[in-house]
């Protein structure tokens, strides 16, 4: 990884907490994946997997897998959350 990337990443504190609760730094390919998922979720836009593959220099199959795994799964969770929030739940407190 280049020194320039590392310097900017550390200055911006682009990190996450790993499964063990430790701070871990994002790598360049992590940022590419984040960018790809953002391309997939641009409000009011619908880029095709082929268009994103061209932009990212990935195969359409790779983009489709990322969409299936990260974007569509997150959309399902958000939709379920909205449905649950709109459900009139009768709660009794004893």
PDB file of N, CA and C in Angstrom:
ATOM      1  N   UNK A   1       0.855  -1.172   0.000  1.00  0.00           N
ATOM      2  CA  UNK A   1       0.000   0.000   0.000  1.00  0.00           C
ATOM      3  C   UNK A   1       0.899   1.231   0.000  1.00  0.00           C
ATOM      4  N   UNK A   2       0.534   2.216  -0.786  1.00  0.00           N
ATOM      5  CA  UNK A   2       1.385   3.395  -0.907  1.00  0.00           C
ATOM      6  C   UNK A   2       1.344   4.230   0.366  1.00  0.00           C
ATOM      7  N   UNK A   3       2.412   4.926   0.586  1.00  0.00           N
ATOM      8  CA  UNK A   3       2.513   5.794   1.747  1.00  0.00           C
ATOM      9  C   UNK A   3       1.461   6.899   1.706  1.00  0.00           C
ATOM     10  N   UNK A   4       1.198   7.432   0.508  1.00  0.00           N
ATOM     11  CA  UNK A   4       0.207   8.504   0.378  1.00  0.00           C
ATOM     12  C   UNK A   4      -1.170   8.020   0.808  1.00  0.00           C
ATOM     13  N   UNK A   5      -1.560   6.838   0.341  1.00  0.00           N
ATOM     14  CA  UNK A   5      -2.860   6.292   0.721  1.00  0.00           C
ATOM     15  C   UNK A   5      -2.921   6.084   2.232  1.00  0.00           C
ATOM     16  N   UNK A   6      -1.882   5.506   2.788  1.00  0.00           N
ATOM     17  CA  UNK A   6      -1.846   5.238   4.229  1.00  0.00           C
ATOM     18  C   UNK A   6      -1.925   6.525   5.030  1.00  0.00           C
ATOM     19  N   UNK A   7      -1.213   7.539   4.595  1.00  0.00           N
ATOM     20  CA  UNK A   7      -1.239   8.823   5.305  1.00  0.00           C
ATOM     21  C   UNK A   7      -2.643   9.429   5.304  1.00  0.00           C
ATOM     22  N   UNK A   8      -3.285   9.448   4.140  1.00  0.00           N
ATOM     23  CA  UNK A   8      -4.626  10.022   4.032  1.00  0.00           C
ATOM     24  C   UNK A   8      -5.626   9.184   4.830  1.00  0.00           C
ATOM     25  N   UNK A   9      -5.542   7.872   4.706  1.00  0.00           N
ATOM     26  CA  UNK A   9      -6.450   6.977   5.430  1.00  0.00           C
ATOM     27  C   UNK A   9      -6.339   7.196   6.936  1.00  0.00           C
ATOM     28  N   UNK A  10      -5.119   7.260   7.440  1.00  0.00           N
ATOM     29  CA  UNK A  10      -4.923   7.439   8.877  1.00  0.00           C
ATOM     30  C   UNK A  10      -5.385   8.818   9.342  1.00  0.00           C
ATOM     31  N   UNK A  11      -5.116   9.836   8.542  1.00  0.00           N
ATOM     32  CA  UNK A  11      -5.540  11.191   8.888  1.00  0.00           C
ATOM     33  C   UNK A  11      -7.063  11.283   8.955  1.00  0.00           C
ATOM     34  N   UNK A  12      -7.733  10.595   8.027  1.00  0.00           N
ATOM     35  CA  UNK A  12      -9.202  10.602   7.996  1.00  0.00           C
ATOM     36  C   UNK A  12      -9.797   9.579   8.953  1.00  0.00           C
ATOM     37  N   UNK A  13      -8.937   8.789   9.582  1.00  0.00           N
ATOM     38  CA  UNK A  13      -9.359   7.731  10.522  1.00  0.00           C
ATOM     39  C   UNK A  13     -10.393   6.803   9.875  1.00  0.00           C
ATOM     40  N   UNK A  14     -10.055   6.321   8.688  1.00  0.00           N
ATOM     41  CA  UNK A  14     -10.934   5.394   7.968  1.00  0.00           C
ATOM     42  C   UNK A  14     -10.640   3.994   8.494  1.00  0.00           C
ATOM     43  N   UNK A  15     -11.416   3.621   9.495  1.00  0.00           N
ATOM     44  CA  UNK A  15     -11.199   2.350  10.164  1.00  0.00           C
ATOM     45  C   UNK A  15     -12.539   1.718  10.511  1.00  0.00           C
ATOM     46  N   UNK A  16     -12.487   0.529  11.040  1.00  0.00           N
ATOM     47  CA  UNK A  16     -13.684  -0.166  11.498  1.00  0.00           C
ATOM     48  C   UNK A  16     -13.288  -1.030  12.682  1.00  0.00           C
ATOM     49  N   UNK A  17     -14.281  -1.548  13.371  1.00  0.00           N
ATOM     50  CA  UNK A  17     -14.020  -2.440  14.491  1.00  0.00           C
ATOM     51  C   UNK A  17     -14.182  -3.868  13.994  1.00  0.00           C
ATOM     52  N   UNK A  18     -13.141  -4.670  14.185  1.00  0.00           N
ATOM     53  CA  UNK A  18     -13.203  -6.048  13.691  1.00  0.00           C
ATOM     54  C   UNK A  18     -14.023  -6.921  14.638  1.00  0.00           C
ATOM     55  N   UNK A  19     -14.151  -8.195  14.303  1.00  0.00           N
ATOM     56  CA  UNK A  19     -14.984  -9.114  15.082  1.00  0.00           C
ATOM     57  C   UNK A  19     -14.521  -9.275  16.524  1.00  0.00           C
ATOM     58  N   UNK A  20     -13.238  -9.004  16.774  1.00  0.00           N
ATOM     59  CA  UNK A  20     -12.702  -9.120  18.133  1.00  0.00           C
ATOM     60  C   UNK A  20     -12.768  -7.807  18.900  1.00  0.00           C
ATOM     61  N   UNK A  21     -13.365  -6.776  18.293  1.00  0.00           N
ATOM     62  CA  UNK A  21     -13.477  -5.486  18.966  1.00  0.00           C
ATOM     63  C   UNK A  21     -12.261  -4.597  18.814  1.00  0.00           C
ATOM     64  N   UNK A  22     -11.333  -4.981  17.952  1.00  0.00           N
ATOM     65  CA  UNK A  22     -10.118  -4.202  17.734  1.00  0.00           C
ATOM     66  C   UNK A  22     -10.292  -3.247  16.558  1.00  0.00           C
ATOM     67  N   UNK A  23      -9.585  -2.121  16.620  1.00  0.00           N
ATOM     68  CA  UNK A  23      -9.598  -1.180  15.512  1.00  0.00           C
ATOM     69  C   UNK A  23      -8.798  -1.773  14.361  1.00  0.00           C
ATOM     70  N   UNK A  24      -9.371  -1.742  13.167  1.00  0.00           N
ATOM     71  CA  UNK A  24      -8.700  -2.227  11.971  1.00  0.00           C
ATOM     72  C   UNK A  24      -8.816  -1.162  10.890  1.00  0.00           C
ATOM     73  N   UNK A  25      -7.793  -1.051  10.088  1.00  0.00           N
ATOM     74  CA  UNK A  25      -7.774  -0.026   9.046  1.00  0.00           C
ATOM     75  C   UNK A  25      -8.354  -0.562   7.750  1.00  0.00           C
ATOM     76  N   UNK A  26      -9.127   0.283   7.078  1.00  0.00           N
ATOM     77  CA  UNK A  26      -9.640  -0.070   5.755  1.00  0.00           C
ATOM     78  C   UNK A  26      -8.469  -0.160   4.779  1.00  0.00           C
ATOM     79  N   UNK A  27      -8.594  -1.075   3.833  1.00  0.00           N
ATOM     80  CA  UNK A  27      -7.592  -1.215   2.788  1.00  0.00           C
ATOM     81  C   UNK A  27      -8.157  -0.633   1.502  1.00  0.00           C
ATOM     82  N   UNK A  28      -7.306  -0.463   0.514  1.00  0.00           N
ATOM     83  CA  UNK A  28      -7.731   0.150  -0.734  1.00  0.00           C
ATOM     84  C   UNK A  28      -8.891  -0.620  -1.356  1.00  0.00           C
ATOM     85  N   UNK A  29      -8.832  -1.949  -1.361  1.00  0.00           N
ATOM     86  CA  UNK A  29      -9.929  -2.707  -1.985  1.00  0.00           C
ATOM     87  C   UNK A  29     -11.222  -2.586  -1.174  1.00  0.00           C
ATOM     88  N   UNK A  30     -11.128  -2.324   0.144  1.00  0.00           N
ATOM     89  CA  UNK A  30     -12.335  -2.055   0.943  1.00  0.00           C
ATOM     90  C   UNK A  30     -13.015  -0.786   0.442  1.00  0.00           C
ATOM     91  N   UNK A  31     -12.219   0.227   0.148  1.00  0.00           N
ATOM     92  CA  UNK A  31     -12.773   1.490  -0.322  1.00  0.00           C
ATOM     93  C   UNK A  31     -13.387   1.339  -1.711  1.00  0.00           C
ATOM     94  N   UNK A  32     -12.785   0.510  -2.546  1.00  0.00           N
ATOM     95  CA  UNK A  32     -13.362   0.251  -3.878  1.00  0.00           C
ATOM     96  C   UNK A  32     -14.720  -0.427  -3.730  1.00  0.00           C
ATOM     97  N   UNK A  33     -14.823  -1.360  -2.801  1.00  0.00           N
ATOM     98  CA  UNK A  33     -16.099  -2.028  -2.561  1.00  0.00           C
ATOM     99  C   UNK A  33     -17.155  -1.058  -2.054  1.00  0.00           C
ATOM    100  N   UNK A  34     -16.751  -0.167  -1.157  1.00  0.00           N
ATOM    101  CA  UNK A  34     -17.675   0.849  -0.648  1.00  0.00           C
ATOM    102  C   UNK A  34     -18.139   1.753  -1.781  1.00  0.00           C
ATOM    103  N   UNK A  35     -17.217   2.157  -2.635  1.00  0.00           N
ATOM    104  CA  UNK A  35     -17.580   3.001  -3.772  1.00  0.00           C
ATOM    105  C   UNK A  35     -18.552   2.265  -4.694  1.00  0.00           C
ATOM    106  N   UNK A  36     -18.295   0.996  -4.944  1.00  0.00           N
ATOM    107  CA  UNK A  36     -19.185   0.215  -5.815  1.00  0.00           C
ATOM    108  C   UNK A  36     -20.592   0.135  -5.232  1.00  0.00           C
ATOM    109  N   UNK A  37     -20.698  -0.099  -3.924  1.00  0.00           N
ATOM    110  CA  UNK A  37     -22.035  -0.180  -3.322  1.00  0.00           C
ATOM    111  C   UNK A  37     -22.724   1.176  -3.352  1.00  0.00           C
ATOM    112  N   UNK A  38     -21.968   2.251  -3.251  1.00  0.00           N
ATOM    113  CA  UNK A  38     -22.582   3.584  -3.353  1.00  0.00           C
ATOM    114  C   UNK A  38     -23.071   3.854  -4.770  1.00  0.00           C
ATOM    115  N   UNK A  39     -22.331   3.369  -5.762  1.00  0.00           N
ATOM    116  CA  UNK A  39     -22.804   3.500  -7.140  1.00  0.00           C
ATOM    117  C   UNK A  39     -24.130   2.766  -7.326  1.00  0.00           C
ATOM    118  N   UNK A  40     -24.295   1.672  -6.616  1.00  0.00           N
ATOM    119  CA  UNK A  40     -25.507   0.863  -6.731  1.00  0.00           C
ATOM    120  C   UNK A  40     -26.704   1.498  -6.034  1.00  0.00           C
ATOM    121  N   UNK A  41     -26.451   2.456  -5.165  1.00  0.00           N
ATOM    122  CA  UNK A  41     -27.528   3.022  -4.348  1.00  0.00           C
ATOM    123  C   UNK A  41     -27.675   4.531  -4.528  1.00  0.00           C
ATOM    124  N   UNK A  42     -27.251   5.054  -5.667  1.00  0.00           N
ATOM    125  CA  UNK A  42     -27.408   6.487  -5.930  1.00  0.00           C
ATOM    126  C   UNK A  42     -28.899   6.798  -5.988  1.00  0.00           C
ATOM    127  N   UNK A  43     -29.373   7.717  -5.147  1.00  0.00           N
ATOM    128  CA  UNK A  43     -30.807   8.043  -5.159  1.00  0.00           C
ATOM    129  C   UNK A  43     -31.266   8.527  -6.530  1.00  0.00           C
ATOM    130  N   UNK A  44     -32.355   7.952  -7.009  1.00  0.00           N
ATOM    131  CA  UNK A  44     -32.928   8.360  -8.281  1.00  0.00           C
ATOM    132  C   UNK A  44     -32.215   7.816  -9.500  1.00  0.00           C
ATOM    133  N   UNK A  45     -31.153   7.078  -9.304  1.00  0.00           N
ATOM    134  CA  UNK A  45     -30.390   6.515 -10.417  1.00  0.00           C
ATOM    135  C   UNK A  45     -30.428   4.995 -10.333  1.00  0.00           C
ATOM    136  N   UNK A  46     -30.232   4.366 -11.443  1.00  0.00           N
ATOM    137  CA  UNK A  46     -30.152   2.904 -11.452  1.00  0.00           C
ATOM    138  C   UNK A  46     -29.089   2.507 -12.470  1.00  0.00           C
ATOM    139  N   UNK A  47     -27.833   2.477 -12.009  1.00  0.00           N
ATOM    140  CA  UNK A  47     -26.763   2.016 -12.878  1.00  0.00           C
ATOM    141  C   UNK A  47     -26.859   0.500 -12.987  1.00  0.00           C
ATOM    142  N   UNK A  48     -26.632  -0.004 -14.166  1.00  0.00           N
ATOM    143  CA  UNK A  48     -26.675  -1.450 -14.357  1.00  0.00           C
ATOM    144  C   UNK A  48     -25.389  -2.071 -13.840  1.00  0.00           C
ATOM    145  N   UNK A  49     -25.433  -3.375 -13.629  1.00  0.00           N
ATOM    146  CA  UNK A  49     -24.230  -4.080 -13.202  1.00  0.00           C
ATOM    147  C   UNK A  49     -23.133  -3.960 -14.260  1.00  0.00           C
ATOM    148  N   UNK A  50     -23.517  -3.964 -15.528  1.00  0.00           N
ATOM    149  CA  UNK A  50     -22.534  -3.835 -16.610  1.00  0.00           C
ATOM    150  C   UNK A  50     -21.863  -2.458 -16.580  1.00  0.00           C
ATOM    151  N   UNK A  51     -22.635  -1.398 -16.321  1.00  0.00           N
ATOM    152  CA  UNK A  51     -22.062  -0.058 -16.245  1.00  0.00           C
ATOM    153  C   UNK A  51     -21.099   0.062 -15.071  1.00  0.00           C
ATOM    154  N   UNK A  52     -21.490  -0.488 -13.931  1.00  0.00           N
ATOM    155  CA  UNK A  52     -20.615  -0.435 -12.754  1.00  0.00           C
ATOM    156  C   UNK A  52     -19.368  -1.274 -12.992  1.00  0.00           C
ATOM    157  N   UNK A  53     -19.516  -2.429 -13.627  1.00  0.00           N
ATOM    158  CA  UNK A  53     -18.369  -3.286 -13.940  1.00  0.00           C
ATOM    159  C   UNK A  53     -17.372  -2.536 -14.824  1.00  0.00           C
ATOM    160  N   UNK A  54     -17.884  -1.800 -15.804  1.00  0.00           N
ATOM    161  CA  UNK A  54     -16.998  -1.002 -16.662  1.00  0.00           C
ATOM    162  C   UNK A  54     -16.251   0.055 -15.859  1.00  0.00           C
ATOM    163  N   UNK A  55     -16.953   0.746 -14.966  1.00  0.00           N
ATOM    164  CA  UNK A  55     -16.317   1.779 -14.148  1.00  0.00           C
ATOM    165  C   UNK A  55     -15.270   1.217 -13.198  1.00  0.00           C
ATOM    166  N   UNK A  56     -15.546   0.043 -12.647  1.00  0.00           N
ATOM    167  CA  UNK A  56     -14.673  -0.539 -11.628  1.00  0.00           C
ATOM    168  C   UNK A  56     -13.613  -1.484 -12.195  1.00  0.00           C
ATOM    169  N   UNK A  57     -13.720  -1.789 -13.484  1.00  0.00           N
ATOM    170  CA  UNK A  57     -12.839  -2.768 -14.132  1.00  0.00           C
ATOM    171  C   UNK A  57     -12.997  -4.142 -13.482  1.00  0.00           C
ATOM    172  N   UNK A  58     -14.240  -4.471 -13.183  1.00  0.00           N
ATOM    173  CA  UNK A  58     -14.602  -5.766 -12.625  1.00  0.00           C
ATOM    174  C   UNK A  58     -15.484  -6.495 -13.625  1.00  0.00           C
ATOM    175  N   UNK A  59     -15.744  -7.766 -13.377  1.00  0.00           N
ATOM    176  CA  UNK A  59     -16.684  -8.497 -14.218  1.00  0.00           C
ATOM    177  C   UNK A  59     -18.110  -8.196 -13.752  1.00  0.00           C
ATOM    178  N   UNK A  60     -19.046  -8.375 -14.659  1.00  0.00           N
ATOM    179  CA  UNK A  60     -20.456  -8.196 -14.306  1.00  0.00           C
ATOM    180  C   UNK A  60     -20.829  -9.173 -13.188  1.00  0.00           C
ATOM    181  N   UNK A  61     -20.269 -10.364 -13.217  1.00  0.00           N
ATOM    182  CA  UNK A  61     -20.548 -11.364 -12.183  1.00  0.00           C
ATOM    183  C   UNK A  61     -20.087 -10.874 -10.805  1.00  0.00           C
ATOM    184  N   UNK A  62     -18.920 -10.233 -10.733  1.00  0.00           N
ATOM    185  CA  UNK A  62     -18.441  -9.699  -9.451  1.00  0.00           C
ATOM    186  C   UNK A  62     -19.395  -8.623  -8.930  1.00  0.00           C
ATOM    187  N   UNK A  63     -19.828  -7.740  -9.804  1.00  0.00           N
ATOM    188  CA  UNK A  63     -20.739  -6.665  -9.402  1.00  0.00           C
ATOM    189  C   UNK A  63     -22.073  -7.254  -8.949  1.00  0.00           C
ATOM    190  N   UNK A  64     -22.577  -8.222  -9.683  1.00  0.00           N
ATOM    191  CA  UNK A  64     -23.844  -8.868  -9.315  1.00  0.00           C
ATOM    192  C   UNK A  64     -23.758  -9.504  -7.942  1.00  0.00           C
ATOM    193  N   UNK A  65     -22.628 -10.140  -7.643  1.00  0.00           N
ATOM    194  CA  UNK A  65     -22.434 -10.773  -6.336  1.00  0.00           C
ATOM    195  C   UNK A  65     -22.406  -9.728  -5.224  1.00  0.00           C
ATOM    196  N   UNK A  66     -21.723  -8.614  -5.455  1.00  0.00           N
ATOM    197  CA  UNK A  66     -21.676  -7.544  -4.452  1.00  0.00           C
ATOM    198  C   UNK A  66     -23.072  -6.975  -4.235  1.00  0.00           C
ATOM    199  N   UNK A  67     -23.810  -6.761  -5.327  1.00  0.00           N
ATOM    200  CA  UNK A  67     -25.169  -6.239  -5.202  1.00  0.00           C
ATOM    201  C   UNK A  67     -26.035  -7.211  -4.398  1.00  0.00           C
ATOM    202  N   UNK A  68     -25.937  -8.484  -4.716  1.00  0.00           N
ATOM    203  CA  UNK A  68     -26.740  -9.489  -4.025  1.00  0.00           C
ATOM    204  C   UNK A  68     -26.377  -9.563  -2.541  1.00  0.00           C
ATOM    205  N   UNK A  69     -25.097  -9.570  -2.263  1.00  0.00           N
ATOM    206  CA  UNK A  69     -24.635  -9.779  -0.889  1.00  0.00           C
ATOM    207  C   UNK A  69     -24.824  -8.556  -0.007  1.00  0.00           C
ATOM    208  N   UNK A  70     -24.491  -7.380  -0.500  1.00  0.00           N
ATOM    209  CA  UNK A  70     -24.471  -6.198   0.354  1.00  0.00           C
ATOM    210  C   UNK A  70     -25.640  -5.252   0.141  1.00  0.00           C
ATOM    211  N   UNK A  71     -25.966  -4.945  -1.082  1.00  0.00           N
ATOM    212  CA  UNK A  71     -26.973  -3.930  -1.344  1.00  0.00           C
ATOM    213  C   UNK A  71     -28.371  -4.493  -1.199  1.00  0.00           C
ATOM    214  N   UNK A  72     -28.679  -5.572  -1.893  1.00  0.00           N
ATOM    215  CA  UNK A  72     -30.025  -6.128  -1.832  1.00  0.00           C
ATOM    216  C   UNK A  72     -30.352  -6.637  -0.427  1.00  0.00           C
ATOM    217  N   UNK A  73     -29.381  -7.224   0.244  1.00  0.00           N
ATOM    218  CA  UNK A  73     -29.606  -7.683   1.619  1.00  0.00           C
ATOM    219  C   UNK A  73     -29.912  -6.540   2.559  1.00  0.00           C
ATOM    220  N   UNK A  74     -29.188  -5.441   2.406  1.00  0.00           N
ATOM    221  CA  UNK A  74     -29.438  -4.264   3.246  1.00  0.00           C
ATOM    222  C   UNK A  74     -30.804  -3.677   2.942  1.00  0.00           C
ATOM    223  N   UNK A  75     -31.187  -3.675   1.675  1.00  0.00           N
ATOM    224  CA  UNK A  75     -32.500  -3.137   1.299  1.00  0.00           C
ATOM    225  C   UNK A  75     -33.625  -3.963   1.917  1.00  0.00           C
ATOM    226  N   UNK A  76     -33.436  -5.260   1.978  1.00  0.00           N
ATOM    227  CA  UNK A  76     -34.436  -6.139   2.595  1.00  0.00           C
ATOM    228  C   UNK A  76     -34.576  -5.808   4.073  1.00  0.00           C
ATOM    229  N   UNK A  77     -33.457  -5.629   4.755  1.00  0.00           N
ATOM    230  CA  UNK A  77     -33.482  -5.316   6.183  1.00  0.00           C
ATOM    231  C   UNK A  77     -34.172  -3.975   6.428  1.00  0.00           C
ATOM    232  N   UNK A  78     -33.865  -2.975   5.610  1.00  0.00           N
ATOM    233  CA  UNK A  78     -34.484  -1.658   5.772  1.00  0.00           C
ATOM    234  C   UNK A  78     -35.990  -1.751   5.538  1.00  0.00           C
ATOM    235  N   UNK A  79     -36.400  -2.499   4.524  1.00  0.00           N
ATOM    236  CA  UNK A  79     -37.831  -2.656   4.242  1.00  0.00           C
ATOM    237  C   UNK A  79     -38.546  -3.345   5.397  1.00  0.00           C
ATOM    238  N   UNK A  80     -37.912  -4.382   5.954  1.00  0.00           N
ATOM    239  CA  UNK A  80     -38.508  -5.068   7.104  1.00  0.00           C
ATOM    240  C   UNK A  80     -38.610  -4.138   8.303  1.00  0.00           C
ATOM    241  N   UNK A  81     -37.572  -3.343   8.519  1.00  0.00           N
ATOM    242  CA  UNK A  81     -37.581  -2.397   9.634  1.00  0.00           C
ATOM    243  C   UNK A  81     -38.738  -1.406   9.489  1.00  0.00           C
ATOM    244  N   UNK A  82     -38.942  -0.898   8.277  1.00  0.00           N
ATOM    245  CA  UNK A  82     -40.036   0.046   8.040  1.00  0.00           C
ATOM    246  C   UNK A  82     -41.384  -0.619   8.268  1.00  0.00           C
ATOM    247  N   UNK A  83     -41.533  -1.854   7.811  1.00  0.00           N
ATOM    248  CA  UNK A  83     -42.795  -2.559   8.007  1.00  0.00           C
ATOM    249  C   UNK A  83     -43.062  -2.782   9.487  1.00  0.00           C
ATOM    250  N   UNK A  84     -42.028  -3.169  10.229  1.00  0.00           N
ATOM    251  CA  UNK A  84     -42.198  -3.390  11.660  1.00  0.00           C
ATOM    252  C   UNK A  84     -42.521  -2.083  12.389  1.00  0.00           C
ATOM    253  N   UNK A  85     -41.888  -1.008  11.977  1.00  0.00           N
ATOM    254  CA  UNK A  85     -42.137   0.291  12.613  1.00  0.00           C
ATOM    255  C   UNK A  85     -43.569   0.758  12.362  1.00  0.00           C
ATOM    256  N   UNK A  86     -44.133   0.383  11.237  1.00  0.00           N
ATOM    257  CA  UNK A  86     -45.489   0.806  10.906  1.00  0.00           C
ATOM    258  C   UNK A  86     -46.549  -0.155  11.460  1.00  0.00           C
ATOM    259  N   UNK A  87     -46.126  -1.274  12.016  1.00  0.00           N
ATOM    260  CA  UNK A  87     -47.064  -2.229  12.571  1.00  0.00           C
ATOM    261  C   UNK A  87     -47.521  -1.744  13.939  1.00  0.00           C
ATOM    262  N   UNK A  88     -48.810  -1.722  14.135  1.00  0.00           N
ATOM    263  CA  UNK A  88     -49.365  -1.302  15.411  1.00  0.00           C
ATOM    264  C   UNK A  88     -49.232  -2.465  16.395  1.00  0.00           C
ATOM    265  N   UNK A  89     -48.266  -2.361  17.272  1.00  0.00           N
ATOM    266  CA  UNK A  89     -48.009  -3.435  18.219  1.00  0.00           C
ATOM    267  C   UNK A  89     -48.685  -3.107  19.544  1.00  0.00           C
ATOM    268  N   UNK A  90     -49.491  -4.027  20.050  1.00  0.00           N
ATOM    269  CA  UNK A  90     -50.165  -3.845  21.324  1.00  0.00           C
ATOM    270  C   UNK A  90     -49.271  -4.423  22.409  1.00  0.00           C
ATOM    271  N   UNK A  91     -48.673  -3.554  23.192  1.00  0.00           N
ATOM    272  CA  UNK A  91     -47.772  -4.008  24.245  1.00  0.00           C
ATOM    273  C   UNK A  91     -48.448  -3.789  25.597  1.00  0.00           C
ATOM    274  N   UNK A  92     -48.399  -4.789  26.416  1.00  0.00           N
ATOM    275  CA  UNK A  92     -48.947  -4.625  27.766  1.00  0.00           C
ATOM    276  C   UNK A  92     -47.805  -4.730  28.751  1.00  0.00           C
ATOM    277  N   UNK A  93     -47.839  -3.903  29.729  1.00  0.00           N
ATOM    278  CA  UNK A  93     -46.828  -3.910  30.767  1.00  0.00           C
ATOM    279  C   UNK A  93     -47.472  -4.401  32.054  1.00  0.00           C
ATOM    280  N   UNK A  94     -46.889  -5.419  32.626  1.00  0.00           N
ATOM    281  CA  UNK A  94     -47.424  -5.962  33.881  1.00  0.00           C
ATOM    282  C   UNK A  94     -46.731  -5.340  35.061  1.00  0.00           C
TER     283      UNK A  94
END
